[in-house]
Amino acid sequence: IVLEPCDGTVSDMDVTATAFAHRSCKYLLQWEMIQADPETPRDVATLDDFLTRTRKSIAPLLTGGRYLNYADRLDTPKSWWGENLDRLSAVSRRHDPARRILSRLHPA
């Protein structure tokens, strides 16, 4: 687990200046889980269970927002984009109405 300060220029910018909406945070929390190679379904299930239990246990200490570079399978566009989700979704609908850009990171 790594705690990174979220201050200086990051917190000086307005929340709507970029897609990153979590500028009022004091820290960014990152964790890494390393699995066996090759992984087995049991390995994946064990790590998924650990991730779910850990996230639930520390949830009261967190804002609920997520930094996209540290995304995990439990994240959602709302957790990444926060209050910027509606604005980013509108931009996405305007510039990619046919949804040719396919990504789990798509805001809408």
N, C-alpha and C. Protein backbone atom coordinates (compact mmCIF):
# COMPACT_ATOMS: atom_id res chain seq x y z
N ILE A 1 0.85 -1.17 0.00
CA ILE A 1 0.00 0.00 0.00
C ILE A 1 0.90 1.23 0.00
N VAL A 2 0.57 2.18 -0.87
CA VAL A 2 1.34 3.42 -0.99
C VAL A 2 0.39 4.59 -0.76
N LEU A 3 0.77 5.52 0.09
CA LEU A 3 0.03 6.77 0.27
C LEU A 3 0.84 7.89 -0.38
N GLU A 4 0.23 8.57 -1.33
CA GLU A 4 0.89 9.67 -2.01
C GLU A 4 0.20 10.97 -1.63
N PRO A 5 0.95 12.01 -1.28
CA PRO A 5 0.31 13.29 -0.97
C PRO A 5 -0.37 13.86 -2.21
N CYS A 6 -1.48 14.48 -2.00
CA CYS A 6 -2.25 15.10 -3.09
C CYS A 6 -2.36 16.58 -2.75
N ASP A 7 -1.26 17.28 -2.95
CA ASP A 7 -1.23 18.70 -2.58
C ASP A 7 -0.52 19.49 -3.67
N GLY A 8 -0.11 20.68 -3.36
CA GLY A 8 0.59 21.51 -4.34
C GLY A 8 -0.28 21.83 -5.54
N THR A 9 0.27 21.69 -6.72
CA THR A 9 -0.44 22.01 -7.95
C THR A 9 -1.71 21.19 -8.11
N VAL A 10 -1.69 19.96 -7.67
CA VAL A 10 -2.88 19.11 -7.78
C VAL A 10 -4.05 19.75 -7.06
N SER A 11 -3.85 20.16 -5.83
CA SER A 11 -4.96 20.73 -5.05
C SER A 11 -5.21 22.20 -5.36
N ASP A 12 -4.25 22.86 -6.02
CA ASP A 12 -4.43 24.27 -6.36
C ASP A 12 -5.38 24.47 -7.55
N MET A 13 -5.50 23.45 -8.39
CA MET A 13 -6.36 23.57 -9.57
C MET A 13 -7.83 23.36 -9.20
N ASP A 14 -8.71 23.99 -9.96
CA ASP A 14 -10.14 23.82 -9.76
C ASP A 14 -10.55 22.39 -10.17
N VAL A 15 -11.52 21.86 -9.47
CA VAL A 15 -12.00 20.50 -9.73
C VAL A 15 -12.45 20.33 -11.17
N THR A 16 -12.97 21.38 -11.78
CA THR A 16 -13.47 21.28 -13.15
C THR A 16 -12.41 21.61 -14.21
N ALA A 17 -11.18 21.89 -13.80
CA ALA A 17 -10.13 22.24 -14.75
C ALA A 17 -9.73 21.08 -15.64
N THR A 18 -9.84 19.87 -15.13
CA THR A 18 -9.52 18.65 -15.89
C THR A 18 -10.54 17.59 -15.52
N ALA A 19 -10.39 16.40 -16.07
CA ALA A 19 -11.31 15.31 -15.73
C ALA A 19 -11.10 14.83 -14.29
N PHE A 20 -9.92 15.01 -13.73
CA PHE A 20 -9.61 14.53 -12.38
C PHE A 20 -10.37 15.38 -11.36
N ALA A 21 -11.31 14.75 -10.69
CA ALA A 21 -12.23 15.49 -9.81
C ALA A 21 -11.86 15.45 -8.34
N HIS A 22 -10.82 14.77 -7.97
CA HIS A 22 -10.55 14.51 -6.56
C HIS A 22 -9.41 15.38 -6.02
N ARG A 23 -9.44 16.65 -6.36
CA ARG A 23 -8.36 17.57 -6.01
C ARG A 23 -8.38 18.02 -4.55
N SER A 24 -9.45 17.75 -3.85
CA SER A 24 -9.51 18.15 -2.44
C SER A 24 -9.00 17.06 -1.50
N CYS A 25 -8.58 15.96 -2.05
CA CYS A 25 -8.05 14.85 -1.23
C CYS A 25 -6.70 15.24 -0.62
N LYS A 26 -6.43 14.69 0.53
CA LYS A 26 -5.12 14.89 1.15
C LYS A 26 -4.10 13.89 0.63
N TYR A 27 -4.57 12.66 0.34
CA TYR A 27 -3.68 11.60 -0.12
C TYR A 27 -4.37 10.76 -1.18
N LEU A 28 -3.57 10.12 -2.02
CA LEU A 28 -4.03 9.08 -2.92
C LEU A 28 -3.51 7.77 -2.36
N LEU A 29 -4.37 6.78 -2.26
CA LEU A 29 -3.98 5.48 -1.75
C LEU A 29 -3.91 4.52 -2.92
N GLN A 30 -2.81 3.82 -3.01
CA GLN A 30 -2.61 2.85 -4.09
C GLN A 30 -2.20 1.52 -3.47
N TRP A 31 -2.75 0.44 -4.01
CA TRP A 31 -2.27 -0.86 -3.57
C TRP A 31 -2.01 -1.74 -4.78
N GLU A 32 -1.12 -2.68 -4.58
CA GLU A 32 -0.79 -3.64 -5.63
C GLU A 32 -0.94 -5.03 -5.07
N MET A 33 -1.51 -5.89 -5.87
CA MET A 33 -1.61 -7.30 -5.51
C MET A 33 -0.94 -8.09 -6.63
N ILE A 34 -0.02 -8.92 -6.26
CA ILE A 34 0.73 -9.69 -7.25
C ILE A 34 0.26 -11.13 -7.16
N GLN A 35 -0.09 -11.66 -8.32
CA GLN A 35 -0.60 -13.01 -8.36
C GLN A 35 0.40 -13.94 -9.02
N ALA A 36 0.18 -15.21 -8.85
CA ALA A 36 1.05 -16.22 -9.43
C ALA A 36 0.99 -16.16 -10.96
N ASP A 37 2.06 -16.57 -11.60
CA ASP A 37 2.09 -16.62 -13.06
C ASP A 37 2.46 -18.03 -13.47
N PRO A 38 1.62 -18.77 -14.11
CA PRO A 38 0.29 -18.36 -14.57
C PRO A 38 -0.71 -18.41 -13.41
N GLU A 39 -1.67 -17.52 -13.47
CA GLU A 39 -2.68 -17.48 -12.42
C GLU A 39 -3.74 -18.55 -12.65
N THR A 40 -4.29 -19.00 -11.58
CA THR A 40 -5.37 -19.97 -11.65
C THR A 40 -6.68 -19.28 -11.27
N PRO A 41 -7.81 -19.87 -11.60
CA PRO A 41 -9.08 -19.29 -11.15
C PRO A 41 -9.13 -19.11 -9.63
N ARG A 42 -8.50 -20.02 -8.90
CA ARG A 42 -8.46 -19.90 -7.44
C ARG A 42 -7.66 -18.67 -7.01
N ASP A 43 -6.52 -18.42 -7.69
CA ASP A 43 -5.72 -17.23 -7.40
C ASP A 43 -6.54 -15.96 -7.60
N VAL A 44 -7.23 -15.89 -8.72
CA VAL A 44 -8.05 -14.72 -9.04
C VAL A 44 -9.14 -14.55 -7.99
N ALA A 45 -9.82 -15.63 -7.63
CA ALA A 45 -10.89 -15.56 -6.63
C ALA A 45 -10.35 -15.11 -5.28
N THR A 46 -9.19 -15.59 -4.89
CA THR A 46 -8.58 -15.21 -3.62
C THR A 46 -8.26 -13.72 -3.59
N LEU A 47 -7.64 -13.22 -4.66
CA LEU A 47 -7.30 -11.80 -4.72
C LEU A 47 -8.55 -10.92 -4.83
N ASP A 48 -9.55 -11.36 -5.59
CA ASP A 48 -10.80 -10.61 -5.68
C ASP A 48 -11.48 -10.52 -4.32
N ASP A 49 -11.49 -11.62 -3.60
CA ASP A 49 -12.11 -11.62 -2.26
C ASP A 49 -11.34 -10.68 -1.33
N PHE A 50 -10.02 -10.75 -1.37
CA PHE A 50 -9.21 -9.88 -0.54
C PHE A 50 -9.46 -8.40 -0.87
N LEU A 51 -9.50 -8.08 -2.17
CA LEU A 51 -9.76 -6.71 -2.60
C LEU A 51 -11.12 -6.24 -2.10
N THR A 52 -12.13 -7.05 -2.27
CA THR A 52 -13.48 -6.67 -1.85
C THR A 52 -13.55 -6.46 -0.34
N ARG A 53 -13.00 -7.38 0.42
CA ARG A 53 -13.02 -7.25 1.89
C ARG A 53 -12.22 -6.03 2.35
N THR A 54 -11.06 -5.82 1.75
CA THR A 54 -10.22 -4.69 2.14
C THR A 54 -10.90 -3.37 1.81
N ARG A 55 -11.44 -3.25 0.61
CA ARG A 55 -12.14 -2.02 0.23
C ARG A 55 -13.31 -1.74 1.16
N LYS A 56 -14.07 -2.77 1.52
CA LYS A 56 -15.21 -2.57 2.43
C LYS A 56 -14.75 -2.15 3.81
N SER A 57 -13.65 -2.72 4.28
CA SER A 57 -13.20 -2.41 5.64
C SER A 57 -12.63 -1.00 5.76
N ILE A 58 -12.01 -0.47 4.71
CA ILE A 58 -11.43 0.87 4.80
C ILE A 58 -12.34 1.95 4.19
N ALA A 59 -13.47 1.56 3.63
CA ALA A 59 -14.37 2.52 2.97
C ALA A 59 -14.73 3.72 3.85
N PRO A 60 -14.98 3.54 5.14
CA PRO A 60 -15.32 4.71 5.96
C PRO A 60 -14.20 5.75 6.04
N LEU A 61 -12.98 5.36 5.73
CA LEU A 61 -11.85 6.28 5.79
C LEU A 61 -11.58 6.99 4.47
N LEU A 62 -12.27 6.57 3.42
CA LEU A 62 -11.99 7.07 2.08
C LEU A 62 -13.11 7.96 1.56
N THR A 63 -12.82 8.72 0.51
CA THR A 63 -13.81 9.61 -0.08
C THR A 63 -14.76 8.88 -1.02
N GLY A 64 -14.36 7.73 -1.52
CA GLY A 64 -15.14 7.02 -2.53
C GLY A 64 -14.66 7.32 -3.93
N GLY A 65 -13.86 8.36 -4.09
CA GLY A 65 -13.30 8.69 -5.39
C GLY A 65 -12.10 7.80 -5.69
N ARG A 66 -11.83 7.65 -6.97
CA ARG A 66 -10.70 6.82 -7.40
C ARG A 66 -9.87 7.56 -8.43
N TYR A 67 -8.57 7.40 -8.34
CA TYR A 67 -7.65 7.92 -9.35
C TYR A 67 -7.57 6.86 -10.43
N LEU A 68 -7.86 7.26 -11.65
CA LEU A 68 -7.99 6.31 -12.75
C LEU A 68 -6.77 5.42 -12.93
N ASN A 69 -5.58 5.95 -12.72
CA ASN A 69 -4.37 5.14 -12.90
C ASN A 69 -4.29 4.00 -11.88
N TYR A 70 -5.06 4.08 -10.81
CA TYR A 70 -5.05 3.04 -9.79
C TYR A 70 -6.36 2.25 -9.81
N ALA A 71 -7.05 2.26 -10.92
CA ALA A 71 -8.36 1.62 -11.02
C ALA A 71 -8.27 0.12 -10.75
N ASP A 72 -9.33 -0.38 -10.15
CA ASP A 72 -9.46 -1.82 -10.00
C ASP A 72 -10.85 -2.24 -10.44
N ARG A 73 -11.14 -3.50 -10.39
CA ARG A 73 -12.38 -4.02 -10.96
C ARG A 73 -13.63 -3.55 -10.23
N LEU A 74 -13.51 -2.99 -9.04
CA LEU A 74 -14.67 -2.52 -8.29
C LEU A 74 -15.03 -1.07 -8.62
N ASP A 75 -14.18 -0.39 -9.39
CA ASP A 75 -14.40 1.02 -9.68
C ASP A 75 -15.48 1.22 -10.74
N THR A 76 -16.01 2.44 -10.78
CA THR A 76 -17.04 2.83 -11.74
C THR A 76 -16.67 4.19 -12.33
N PRO A 77 -17.26 4.57 -13.46
CA PRO A 77 -16.99 5.91 -13.98
C PRO A 77 -17.29 7.01 -12.95
N LYS A 78 -18.31 6.86 -12.15
CA LYS A 78 -18.63 7.87 -11.13
C LYS A 78 -17.49 7.99 -10.11
N SER A 79 -16.89 6.87 -9.75
CA SER A 79 -15.79 6.94 -8.78
C SER A 79 -14.55 7.60 -9.39
N TRP A 80 -14.35 7.48 -10.70
CA TRP A 80 -13.20 8.13 -11.34
C TRP A 80 -13.44 9.60 -11.58
N TRP A 81 -14.59 9.91 -12.18
CA TRP A 81 -14.81 11.27 -12.67
C TRP A 81 -15.55 12.15 -11.67
N GLY A 82 -16.17 11.58 -10.64
CA GLY A 82 -16.84 12.36 -9.62
C GLY A 82 -17.86 13.32 -10.21
N GLU A 83 -17.80 14.57 -9.73
CA GLU A 83 -18.77 15.56 -10.20
C GLU A 83 -18.53 15.99 -11.64
N ASN A 84 -17.46 15.53 -12.25
CA ASN A 84 -17.19 15.83 -13.65
C ASN A 84 -17.84 14.82 -14.61
N LEU A 85 -18.45 13.79 -14.08
CA LEU A 85 -19.00 12.72 -14.93
C LEU A 85 -20.02 13.25 -15.92
N ASP A 86 -20.96 14.06 -15.49
CA ASP A 86 -21.98 14.57 -16.42
C ASP A 86 -21.37 15.39 -17.55
N ARG A 87 -20.42 16.23 -17.20
CA ARG A 87 -19.75 17.06 -18.22
C ARG A 87 -18.97 16.20 -19.21
N LEU A 88 -18.23 15.21 -18.70
CA LEU A 88 -17.45 14.33 -19.58
C LEU A 88 -18.36 13.45 -20.43
N SER A 89 -19.48 13.03 -19.86
CA SER A 89 -20.44 12.23 -20.63
C SER A 89 -21.02 13.04 -21.78
N ALA A 90 -21.31 14.32 -21.54
CA ALA A 90 -21.83 15.18 -22.60
C ALA A 90 -20.80 15.36 -23.71
N VAL A 91 -19.55 15.54 -23.35
CA VAL A 91 -18.48 15.66 -24.35
C VAL A 91 -18.38 14.36 -25.14
N SER A 92 -18.44 13.24 -24.46
CA SER A 92 -18.36 11.94 -25.11
C SER A 92 -19.52 11.74 -26.09
N ARG A 93 -20.73 12.08 -25.66
CA ARG A 93 -21.90 11.93 -26.54
C ARG A 93 -21.78 12.83 -27.77
N ARG A 94 -21.25 14.02 -27.56
CA ARG A 94 -21.13 14.97 -28.67
C ARG A 94 -20.07 14.52 -29.67
N HIS A 95 -18.92 14.05 -29.19
CA HIS A 95 -17.80 13.73 -30.08
C HIS A 95 -17.72 12.27 -30.50
N ASP A 96 -18.43 11.40 -29.81
CA ASP A 96 -18.42 9.98 -30.16
C ASP A 96 -19.84 9.40 -30.00
N PRO A 97 -20.82 9.95 -30.73
CA PRO A 97 -22.20 9.51 -30.55
C PRO A 97 -22.42 8.04 -30.90
N ALA A 98 -21.62 7.52 -31.79
CA ALA A 98 -21.76 6.11 -32.19
C ALA A 98 -20.97 5.18 -31.26
N ARG A 99 -20.31 5.74 -30.28
CA ARG A 99 -19.48 4.99 -29.32
C ARG A 99 -18.49 4.07 -30.03
N ARG A 100 -17.75 4.68 -30.95
CA ARG A 100 -16.71 3.92 -31.65
C ARG A 100 -15.50 3.70 -30.76
N ILE A 101 -15.31 4.60 -29.80
CA ILE A 101 -14.23 4.43 -28.83
C ILE A 101 -14.76 3.52 -27.74
N LEU A 102 -14.28 2.30 -27.72
CA LEU A 102 -14.75 1.32 -26.75
C LEU A 102 -13.73 1.20 -25.64
N SER A 103 -14.18 1.44 -24.44
CA SER A 103 -13.30 1.36 -23.30
C SER A 103 -14.11 1.26 -22.02
N ARG A 104 -13.61 0.53 -21.08
CA ARG A 104 -14.23 0.48 -19.75
C ARG A 104 -14.16 1.86 -19.09
N LEU A 105 -13.25 2.69 -19.57
CA LEU A 105 -13.05 4.01 -18.99
C LEU A 105 -13.99 5.05 -19.56
N HIS A 106 -14.82 4.66 -20.51
CA HIS A 106 -15.74 5.59 -21.15
C HIS A 106 -16.62 6.23 -20.08
N PRO A 107 -16.76 7.56 -20.10
CA PRO A 107 -17.52 8.23 -19.03
C PRO A 107 -19.01 7.99 -19.08
N ALA A 108 -19.56 7.59 -20.21
CA ALA A 108 -21.03 7.41 -20.27
C ALA A 108 -21.38 6.02 -20.73
